[in-house]
Amino acid sequence: MLGANRVRGARPAVVTELPSLVVDFALTGDATVSRMRFVREGTRGGVPPRHSERLGGVMGVEVWAATSPDLLALSERVQDRLADAAAIRGTGMIVLRAAACSAGEGLMHAPPGAAAFAAWRQRLEYTFEYDGETEIIETDGAPIRRIDVTMDSALPDHLTIGQ
């Protein structure tokens, strides 16, 4: 597969960044409380309580390569890897389904501020559901009576909300 430095959120800027994968996510709807897990209350054994949420959406993967055979080989490896349900569940993905696979296309990629170069690109899309946990920050439960806000040095103001 590719090294982590070849998986990014931006398209390749120079030909030496090929092959690479460009990954993007679009969330659909609001986060919901996970049906699989509950909020754990109280600190047990030094472990702070956590809150689980289920997120859903579409994950896009653009496969970039210098040649058509390289594109085909990398695209197949990516699809095989994402079809491995056991590996995917270990990352928190509850559901990951192939949704679209565009044809590979040869193009002249012209990134901003760099020379154009020939490349091959294919976009894959997957729908997903992800179970994620966040740590709950506990307070003493008392109402917040005052919040002091100090602006950065560009704005020498000070704001107090409350009493």
N, C-alpha and C. Protein backbone atom coordinates (compact mmCIF):
# COMPACT_ATOMS: atom_id res chain seq x y z
N MET A 1 0.86 -1.18 0.00
CA MET A 1 0.00 0.00 0.00
C MET A 1 0.90 1.23 0.00
N LEU A 2 0.34 2.35 0.29
CA LEU A 2 1.07 3.61 0.31
C LEU A 2 1.45 3.98 1.73
N GLY A 3 2.51 4.77 1.86
CA GLY A 3 2.88 5.33 3.15
C GLY A 3 1.87 6.39 3.56
N ALA A 4 1.80 6.67 4.85
CA ALA A 4 0.85 7.66 5.36
C ALA A 4 1.05 9.04 4.74
N ASN A 5 2.27 9.36 4.32
CA ASN A 5 2.51 10.67 3.71
C ASN A 5 1.91 10.78 2.31
N ARG A 6 1.42 9.67 1.76
CA ARG A 6 0.79 9.68 0.43
C ARG A 6 -0.73 9.71 0.53
N VAL A 7 -1.27 9.71 1.73
CA VAL A 7 -2.71 9.82 1.95
C VAL A 7 -2.95 11.18 2.55
N ARG A 8 -3.73 12.01 1.89
CA ARG A 8 -3.86 13.41 2.32
C ARG A 8 -5.24 13.96 2.00
N GLY A 9 -5.46 15.21 2.32
CA GLY A 9 -6.72 15.89 2.05
C GLY A 9 -6.63 16.83 0.86
N ALA A 10 -5.48 16.88 0.17
CA ALA A 10 -5.31 17.79 -0.97
C ALA A 10 -4.73 17.01 -2.14
N ARG A 11 -5.06 17.44 -3.33
CA ARG A 11 -4.56 16.79 -4.54
C ARG A 11 -3.05 16.98 -4.65
N PRO A 12 -2.38 16.08 -5.38
CA PRO A 12 -0.92 16.21 -5.51
C PRO A 12 -0.54 17.53 -6.17
N ALA A 13 0.54 18.12 -5.68
CA ALA A 13 1.00 19.42 -6.19
C ALA A 13 2.13 19.27 -7.20
N VAL A 14 2.86 18.16 -7.13
CA VAL A 14 3.96 17.90 -8.06
C VAL A 14 3.93 16.42 -8.44
N VAL A 15 4.53 16.11 -9.56
CA VAL A 15 4.51 14.74 -10.07
C VAL A 15 5.17 13.76 -9.12
N THR A 16 6.12 14.20 -8.32
CA THR A 16 6.79 13.30 -7.38
C THR A 16 5.87 12.86 -6.23
N GLU A 17 4.70 13.48 -6.10
CA GLU A 17 3.74 13.06 -5.08
C GLU A 17 2.84 11.93 -5.57
N LEU A 18 3.06 11.44 -6.78
CA LEU A 18 2.31 10.31 -7.31
C LEU A 18 3.05 9.02 -6.96
N PRO A 19 2.38 7.95 -6.66
CA PRO A 19 0.93 7.81 -6.49
C PRO A 19 0.49 8.38 -5.14
N SER A 20 -0.79 8.73 -5.06
CA SER A 20 -1.32 9.24 -3.81
C SER A 20 -2.83 9.03 -3.75
N LEU A 21 -3.36 9.16 -2.54
CA LEU A 21 -4.80 9.08 -2.30
C LEU A 21 -5.24 10.38 -1.67
N VAL A 22 -6.37 10.90 -2.13
CA VAL A 22 -6.96 12.10 -1.56
C VAL A 22 -8.29 11.68 -0.95
N VAL A 23 -8.45 11.90 0.36
CA VAL A 23 -9.64 11.44 1.07
C VAL A 23 -10.44 12.64 1.56
N ASP A 24 -11.78 12.57 1.37
CA ASP A 24 -12.65 13.62 1.88
C ASP A 24 -13.90 12.98 2.49
N PHE A 25 -14.50 13.68 3.44
CA PHE A 25 -15.70 13.20 4.11
C PHE A 25 -16.78 14.26 4.05
N ALA A 26 -18.03 13.84 3.85
CA ALA A 26 -19.18 14.73 3.93
C ALA A 26 -20.18 14.07 4.87
N LEU A 27 -20.49 14.74 5.98
CA LEU A 27 -21.43 14.19 6.95
C LEU A 27 -22.85 14.47 6.49
N THR A 28 -23.74 13.50 6.72
CA THR A 28 -25.14 13.69 6.39
C THR A 28 -25.94 13.69 7.68
N GLY A 29 -26.80 14.66 7.86
CA GLY A 29 -27.62 14.73 9.06
C GLY A 29 -26.82 15.10 10.28
N ASP A 30 -27.46 15.00 11.43
CA ASP A 30 -26.83 15.32 12.71
C ASP A 30 -26.29 14.06 13.35
N ALA A 31 -25.34 14.24 14.23
CA ALA A 31 -24.84 13.11 15.01
C ALA A 31 -25.95 12.61 15.91
N THR A 32 -26.02 11.32 16.12
CA THR A 32 -27.02 10.74 17.01
C THR A 32 -26.30 9.95 18.07
N VAL A 33 -27.01 9.69 19.18
CA VAL A 33 -26.42 8.85 20.21
C VAL A 33 -26.36 7.43 19.65
N SER A 34 -25.24 6.82 19.82
CA SER A 34 -25.03 5.49 19.27
C SER A 34 -26.03 4.50 19.84
N ARG A 35 -26.53 3.63 18.98
CA ARG A 35 -27.42 2.56 19.44
C ARG A 35 -26.62 1.43 20.08
N MET A 36 -25.31 1.42 19.80
CA MET A 36 -24.47 0.32 20.24
C MET A 36 -23.89 0.55 21.64
N ARG A 37 -23.75 1.80 22.05
CA ARG A 37 -23.07 2.10 23.30
C ARG A 37 -23.86 3.15 24.08
N PHE A 38 -23.53 3.28 25.32
CA PHE A 38 -24.20 4.26 26.18
C PHE A 38 -23.16 5.18 26.80
N VAL A 39 -23.63 6.27 27.37
CA VAL A 39 -22.73 7.14 28.12
C VAL A 39 -22.35 6.42 29.40
N ARG A 40 -21.07 6.31 29.65
CA ARG A 40 -20.59 5.73 30.90
C ARG A 40 -20.48 6.86 31.90
N GLU A 41 -21.19 6.74 33.01
CA GLU A 41 -21.18 7.82 33.99
C GLU A 41 -20.18 7.53 35.10
N GLY A 42 -19.59 8.61 35.58
CA GLY A 42 -18.66 8.51 36.69
C GLY A 42 -17.30 7.98 36.26
N THR A 43 -16.31 8.28 37.04
CA THR A 43 -14.97 7.81 36.75
C THR A 43 -14.77 6.46 37.40
N ARG A 44 -14.40 5.48 36.57
CA ARG A 44 -14.16 4.14 37.08
C ARG A 44 -12.70 3.79 36.86
N GLY A 45 -11.99 3.53 37.92
CA GLY A 45 -10.59 3.13 37.80
C GLY A 45 -9.75 4.17 37.10
N GLY A 46 -10.06 5.45 37.28
CA GLY A 46 -9.28 6.52 36.67
C GLY A 46 -9.64 6.79 35.22
N VAL A 47 -10.64 6.08 34.66
CA VAL A 47 -11.05 6.28 33.28
C VAL A 47 -12.20 7.28 33.26
N PRO A 48 -12.02 8.43 32.60
CA PRO A 48 -13.10 9.42 32.59
C PRO A 48 -14.30 8.93 31.77
N PRO A 49 -15.48 9.44 32.08
CA PRO A 49 -16.67 9.02 31.33
C PRO A 49 -16.55 9.45 29.87
N ARG A 50 -17.23 8.69 28.99
CA ARG A 50 -17.17 8.97 27.56
C ARG A 50 -18.59 8.98 27.00
N HIS A 51 -18.75 9.71 25.90
CA HIS A 51 -20.04 9.80 25.21
C HIS A 51 -19.85 9.26 23.80
N SER A 52 -20.76 8.40 23.37
CA SER A 52 -20.66 7.83 22.02
C SER A 52 -21.65 8.52 21.09
N GLU A 53 -21.19 8.77 19.88
CA GLU A 53 -22.05 9.33 18.84
C GLU A 53 -21.90 8.50 17.58
N ARG A 54 -22.96 8.44 16.80
CA ARG A 54 -22.89 7.78 15.51
C ARG A 54 -23.00 8.86 14.43
N LEU A 55 -22.00 8.86 13.55
CA LEU A 55 -21.97 9.80 12.43
C LEU A 55 -22.14 9.02 11.14
N GLY A 56 -22.79 9.62 10.17
CA GLY A 56 -22.96 8.98 8.87
C GLY A 56 -22.64 9.95 7.77
N GLY A 57 -22.33 9.42 6.59
CA GLY A 57 -22.05 10.30 5.47
C GLY A 57 -21.44 9.56 4.31
N VAL A 58 -20.69 10.32 3.52
CA VAL A 58 -20.04 9.80 2.33
C VAL A 58 -18.54 10.07 2.44
N MET A 59 -17.75 9.03 2.19
CA MET A 59 -16.30 9.18 2.13
C MET A 59 -15.88 9.07 0.67
N GLY A 60 -15.15 10.06 0.20
CA GLY A 60 -14.63 10.02 -1.16
C GLY A 60 -13.14 9.73 -1.15
N VAL A 61 -12.68 8.93 -2.08
CA VAL A 61 -11.26 8.62 -2.22
C VAL A 61 -10.89 8.85 -3.67
N GLU A 62 -10.00 9.80 -3.92
CA GLU A 62 -9.45 9.99 -5.26
C GLU A 62 -8.12 9.26 -5.32
N VAL A 63 -8.02 8.36 -6.26
CA VAL A 63 -6.79 7.59 -6.47
C VAL A 63 -6.02 8.29 -7.59
N TRP A 64 -4.76 8.65 -7.33
CA TRP A 64 -3.91 9.36 -8.30
C TRP A 64 -2.69 8.50 -8.61
N ALA A 65 -2.34 8.42 -9.88
CA ALA A 65 -1.16 7.67 -10.29
C ALA A 65 -0.58 8.28 -11.56
N ALA A 66 0.65 7.88 -11.87
CA ALA A 66 1.33 8.42 -13.05
C ALA A 66 0.91 7.72 -14.33
N THR A 67 0.52 6.43 -14.24
CA THR A 67 0.14 5.67 -15.43
C THR A 67 -1.17 4.95 -15.19
N SER A 68 -1.81 4.54 -16.28
CA SER A 68 -3.07 3.81 -16.19
C SER A 68 -2.91 2.47 -15.46
N PRO A 69 -1.89 1.65 -15.76
CA PRO A 69 -1.73 0.40 -15.00
C PRO A 69 -1.49 0.63 -13.50
N ASP A 70 -0.73 1.67 -13.16
CA ASP A 70 -0.51 2.00 -11.74
C ASP A 70 -1.82 2.39 -11.07
N LEU A 71 -2.65 3.16 -11.79
CA LEU A 71 -3.95 3.58 -11.26
C LEU A 71 -4.83 2.35 -10.99
N LEU A 72 -4.90 1.45 -11.95
CA LEU A 72 -5.72 0.25 -11.81
C LEU A 72 -5.25 -0.59 -10.61
N ALA A 73 -3.96 -0.80 -10.50
CA ALA A 73 -3.42 -1.61 -9.40
C ALA A 73 -3.70 -0.97 -8.04
N LEU A 74 -3.46 0.33 -7.92
CA LEU A 74 -3.68 1.02 -6.65
C LEU A 74 -5.16 1.06 -6.30
N SER A 75 -6.01 1.34 -7.29
CA SER A 75 -7.44 1.39 -7.06
C SER A 75 -7.97 0.04 -6.57
N GLU A 76 -7.50 -1.05 -7.17
CA GLU A 76 -7.93 -2.37 -6.72
C GLU A 76 -7.46 -2.66 -5.30
N ARG A 77 -6.25 -2.27 -4.96
CA ARG A 77 -5.73 -2.49 -3.59
C ARG A 77 -6.55 -1.69 -2.57
N VAL A 78 -6.90 -0.44 -2.93
CA VAL A 78 -7.71 0.39 -2.03
C VAL A 78 -9.08 -0.25 -1.83
N GLN A 79 -9.71 -0.67 -2.92
CA GLN A 79 -11.03 -1.28 -2.81
C GLN A 79 -10.99 -2.58 -2.01
N ASP A 80 -9.96 -3.38 -2.22
CA ASP A 80 -9.83 -4.62 -1.44
C ASP A 80 -9.65 -4.31 0.05
N ARG A 81 -8.83 -3.32 0.34
CA ARG A 81 -8.58 -2.96 1.74
C ARG A 81 -9.85 -2.44 2.41
N LEU A 82 -10.62 -1.61 1.71
CA LEU A 82 -11.84 -1.05 2.29
C LEU A 82 -12.97 -2.07 2.35
N ALA A 83 -12.84 -3.18 1.63
CA ALA A 83 -13.84 -4.24 1.68
C ALA A 83 -13.59 -5.20 2.85
N ASP A 84 -12.45 -5.08 3.52
CA ASP A 84 -12.09 -5.94 4.65
C ASP A 84 -12.84 -5.46 5.89
N ALA A 85 -13.99 -6.07 6.14
CA ALA A 85 -14.88 -5.62 7.22
C ALA A 85 -14.21 -5.66 8.59
N ALA A 86 -13.41 -6.68 8.84
CA ALA A 86 -12.77 -6.81 10.16
C ALA A 86 -11.81 -5.66 10.41
N ALA A 87 -11.02 -5.29 9.41
CA ALA A 87 -10.06 -4.18 9.57
C ALA A 87 -10.80 -2.86 9.74
N ILE A 88 -11.87 -2.68 9.00
CA ILE A 88 -12.63 -1.42 9.05
C ILE A 88 -13.31 -1.25 10.40
N ARG A 89 -13.88 -2.32 10.95
CA ARG A 89 -14.55 -2.22 12.26
C ARG A 89 -13.58 -1.81 13.35
N GLY A 90 -12.34 -2.17 13.23
CA GLY A 90 -11.34 -1.79 14.22
C GLY A 90 -11.08 -0.30 14.26
N THR A 91 -11.48 0.44 13.23
CA THR A 91 -11.30 1.89 13.19
C THR A 91 -12.52 2.64 13.69
N GLY A 92 -13.60 1.93 14.03
CA GLY A 92 -14.83 2.59 14.46
C GLY A 92 -15.90 2.65 13.39
N MET A 93 -15.56 2.25 12.16
CA MET A 93 -16.55 2.23 11.08
C MET A 93 -17.48 1.04 11.32
N ILE A 94 -18.76 1.31 11.49
CA ILE A 94 -19.74 0.25 11.68
C ILE A 94 -20.19 -0.26 10.32
N VAL A 95 -20.40 0.66 9.39
CA VAL A 95 -20.84 0.33 8.04
C VAL A 95 -19.95 1.10 7.07
N LEU A 96 -19.46 0.43 6.05
CA LEU A 96 -18.73 1.08 4.96
C LEU A 96 -19.11 0.33 3.69
N ARG A 97 -19.91 1.00 2.83
CA ARG A 97 -20.42 0.37 1.60
C ARG A 97 -19.95 1.14 0.39
N ALA A 98 -19.52 0.41 -0.64
CA ALA A 98 -19.17 1.04 -1.91
C ALA A 98 -20.42 1.69 -2.48
N ALA A 99 -20.33 2.95 -2.90
CA ALA A 99 -21.48 3.67 -3.44
C ALA A 99 -21.27 4.08 -4.89
N ALA A 100 -20.04 4.39 -5.29
CA ALA A 100 -19.78 4.82 -6.66
C ALA A 100 -18.32 4.57 -7.00
N CYS A 101 -18.09 4.29 -8.28
CA CYS A 101 -16.74 4.08 -8.79
C CYS A 101 -16.69 4.69 -10.18
N SER A 102 -16.04 5.84 -10.30
CA SER A 102 -15.97 6.50 -11.60
C SER A 102 -14.89 5.85 -12.45
N ALA A 103 -14.96 6.08 -13.73
CA ALA A 103 -13.94 5.56 -14.64
C ALA A 103 -12.63 6.31 -14.41
N GLY A 104 -11.53 5.63 -14.59
CA GLY A 104 -10.24 6.31 -14.51
C GLY A 104 -10.08 7.25 -15.69
N GLU A 105 -9.44 8.38 -15.45
CA GLU A 105 -9.25 9.34 -16.53
C GLU A 105 -7.83 9.88 -16.54
N GLY A 106 -7.29 10.00 -17.74
CA GLY A 106 -5.99 10.64 -17.90
C GLY A 106 -6.20 12.13 -18.04
N LEU A 107 -5.37 12.93 -17.42
CA LEU A 107 -5.55 14.38 -17.47
C LEU A 107 -4.23 15.10 -17.29
N MET A 108 -4.24 16.38 -17.62
CA MET A 108 -3.13 17.27 -17.29
C MET A 108 -3.55 18.01 -16.03
N HIS A 109 -2.92 17.71 -14.93
CA HIS A 109 -3.27 18.33 -13.65
C HIS A 109 -2.42 19.60 -13.49
N ALA A 110 -3.10 20.71 -13.28
CA ALA A 110 -2.41 22.00 -13.16
C ALA A 110 -2.66 22.58 -11.76
N PRO A 111 -1.86 22.18 -10.78
CA PRO A 111 -2.05 22.72 -9.43
C PRO A 111 -1.64 24.19 -9.37
N PRO A 112 -2.24 24.96 -8.47
CA PRO A 112 -1.88 26.37 -8.36
C PRO A 112 -0.41 26.54 -7.96
N GLY A 113 0.28 27.40 -8.65
CA GLY A 113 1.67 27.72 -8.30
C GLY A 113 2.69 26.67 -8.67
N ALA A 114 2.31 25.69 -9.48
CA ALA A 114 3.26 24.64 -9.87
C ALA A 114 3.03 24.28 -11.34
N ALA A 115 4.00 23.60 -11.92
CA ALA A 115 3.90 23.20 -13.32
C ALA A 115 2.87 22.08 -13.48
N ALA A 116 2.14 22.12 -14.60
CA ALA A 116 1.17 21.07 -14.91
C ALA A 116 1.91 19.76 -15.19
N PHE A 117 1.25 18.66 -14.87
CA PHE A 117 1.84 17.35 -15.16
C PHE A 117 0.74 16.36 -15.52
N ALA A 118 1.12 15.34 -16.27
CA ALA A 118 0.18 14.29 -16.67
C ALA A 118 -0.05 13.34 -15.51
N ALA A 119 -1.31 12.95 -15.31
CA ALA A 119 -1.65 12.03 -14.22
C ALA A 119 -2.91 11.27 -14.60
N TRP A 120 -3.17 10.23 -13.85
CA TRP A 120 -4.40 9.46 -13.97
C TRP A 120 -5.12 9.56 -12.64
N ARG A 121 -6.47 9.69 -12.71
CA ARG A 121 -7.27 9.87 -11.49
C ARG A 121 -8.54 9.03 -11.58
N GLN A 122 -8.94 8.48 -10.44
CA GLN A 122 -10.21 7.76 -10.34
C GLN A 122 -10.83 8.08 -8.99
N ARG A 123 -12.13 8.35 -8.96
CA ARG A 123 -12.83 8.65 -7.70
C ARG A 123 -13.69 7.47 -7.28
N LEU A 124 -13.53 7.10 -6.02
CA LEU A 124 -14.33 6.05 -5.38
C LEU A 124 -15.14 6.71 -4.27
N GLU A 125 -16.38 6.28 -4.08
CA GLU A 125 -17.20 6.82 -2.99
C GLU A 125 -17.79 5.69 -2.18
N TYR A 126 -17.85 5.91 -0.87
CA TYR A 126 -18.38 4.94 0.08
C TYR A 126 -19.32 5.64 1.03
N THR A 127 -20.45 5.01 1.36
CA THR A 127 -21.29 5.52 2.45
C THR A 127 -20.80 4.86 3.73
N PHE A 128 -20.91 5.60 4.83
CA PHE A 128 -20.39 5.05 6.09
C PHE A 128 -21.26 5.43 7.27
N GLU A 129 -21.14 4.63 8.32
CA GLU A 129 -21.62 4.97 9.66
C GLU A 129 -20.44 4.73 10.58
N TYR A 130 -20.19 5.70 11.43
CA TYR A 130 -19.02 5.67 12.31
C TYR A 130 -19.47 5.86 13.73
N ASP A 131 -18.99 5.01 14.62
CA ASP A 131 -19.25 5.16 16.05
C ASP A 131 -18.01 5.79 16.67
N GLY A 132 -18.16 6.98 17.23
CA GLY A 132 -17.03 7.66 17.84
C GLY A 132 -17.31 8.01 19.28
N GLU A 133 -16.26 8.06 20.06
CA GLU A 133 -16.39 8.41 21.47
C GLU A 133 -15.65 9.70 21.77
N THR A 134 -16.23 10.51 22.63
CA THR A 134 -15.56 11.72 23.10
C THR A 134 -15.58 11.70 24.62
N GLU A 135 -14.55 12.26 25.20
CA GLU A 135 -14.46 12.31 26.66
C GLU A 135 -15.41 13.38 27.18
N ILE A 136 -16.11 13.06 28.24
CA ILE A 136 -17.02 14.02 28.87
C ILE A 136 -16.24 14.76 29.95
N ILE A 137 -16.26 16.07 29.90
CA ILE A 137 -15.57 16.87 30.90
C ILE A 137 -16.56 17.14 32.02
N GLU A 138 -16.23 16.64 33.18
CA GLU A 138 -17.14 16.79 34.32
C GLU A 138 -16.95 18.12 35.01
N THR A 139 -18.05 18.68 35.51
CA THR A 139 -18.02 19.91 36.30
C THR A 139 -18.67 19.60 37.64
N ASP A 140 -18.66 20.57 38.51
CA ASP A 140 -19.29 20.36 39.81
C ASP A 140 -20.81 20.50 39.73
N GLY A 141 -21.34 20.84 38.55
CA GLY A 141 -22.78 20.94 38.37
C GLY A 141 -23.36 22.29 38.71
N ALA A 142 -22.56 23.20 39.27
CA ALA A 142 -23.05 24.53 39.63
C ALA A 142 -23.29 25.35 38.36
N PRO A 143 -24.29 26.24 38.38
CA PRO A 143 -24.54 27.08 37.21
C PRO A 143 -23.36 28.02 36.94
N ILE A 144 -23.14 28.33 35.70
CA ILE A 144 -22.08 29.27 35.33
C ILE A 144 -22.63 30.68 35.54
N ARG A 145 -21.99 31.44 36.40
CA ARG A 145 -22.48 32.77 36.73
C ARG A 145 -21.73 33.86 35.98
N ARG A 146 -20.50 33.60 35.57
CA ARG A 146 -19.72 34.65 34.93
C ARG A 146 -18.67 34.03 34.00
N ILE A 147 -18.49 34.64 32.83
CA ILE A 147 -17.46 34.22 31.89
C ILE A 147 -16.66 35.45 31.52
N ASP A 148 -15.36 35.44 31.77
CA ASP A 148 -14.48 36.53 31.37
C ASP A 148 -13.84 36.19 30.04
N VAL A 149 -13.92 37.13 29.10
CA VAL A 149 -13.33 36.94 27.77
C VAL A 149 -12.34 38.06 27.52
N THR A 150 -11.11 37.69 27.25
CA THR A 150 -10.09 38.68 26.93
C THR A 150 -9.74 38.53 25.45
N MET A 151 -9.82 39.63 24.70
CA MET A 151 -9.51 39.60 23.28
C MET A 151 -8.00 39.54 23.08
N ASP A 152 -7.57 39.18 21.87
CA ASP A 152 -6.13 39.16 21.60
C ASP A 152 -5.60 40.59 21.55
N SER A 153 -4.32 40.74 21.34
CA SER A 153 -3.68 42.05 21.41
C SER A 153 -4.19 43.03 20.35
N ALA A 154 -4.77 42.53 19.27
CA ALA A 154 -5.29 43.43 18.23
C ALA A 154 -6.52 44.19 18.73
N LEU A 155 -7.25 43.56 19.66
CA LEU A 155 -8.44 44.20 20.22
C LEU A 155 -8.25 44.31 21.73
N PRO A 156 -7.97 45.47 22.24
CA PRO A 156 -7.65 45.60 23.67
C PRO A 156 -8.88 45.61 24.58
N ASP A 157 -9.97 45.00 24.14
CA ASP A 157 -11.20 45.02 24.94
C ASP A 157 -11.24 43.82 25.87
N HIS A 158 -12.08 43.96 26.90
CA HIS A 158 -12.33 42.90 27.84
C HIS A 158 -13.84 42.81 27.98
N LEU A 159 -14.37 41.59 27.96
CA LEU A 159 -15.82 41.41 27.99
C LEU A 159 -16.16 40.49 29.15
N THR A 160 -17.18 40.85 29.91
CA THR A 160 -17.66 39.99 30.99
C THR A 160 -19.12 39.70 30.73
N ILE A 161 -19.45 38.41 30.76
CA ILE A 161 -20.83 37.98 30.58
C ILE A 161 -21.31 37.48 31.92
N GLY A 162 -22.39 38.02 32.41
CA GLY A 162 -22.91 37.61 33.72
C GLY A 162 -22.62 38.66 34.77
N GLN A 163 -22.59 38.21 36.03
CA GLN A 163 -22.45 39.15 37.15
C GLN A 163 -21.00 39.40 37.49
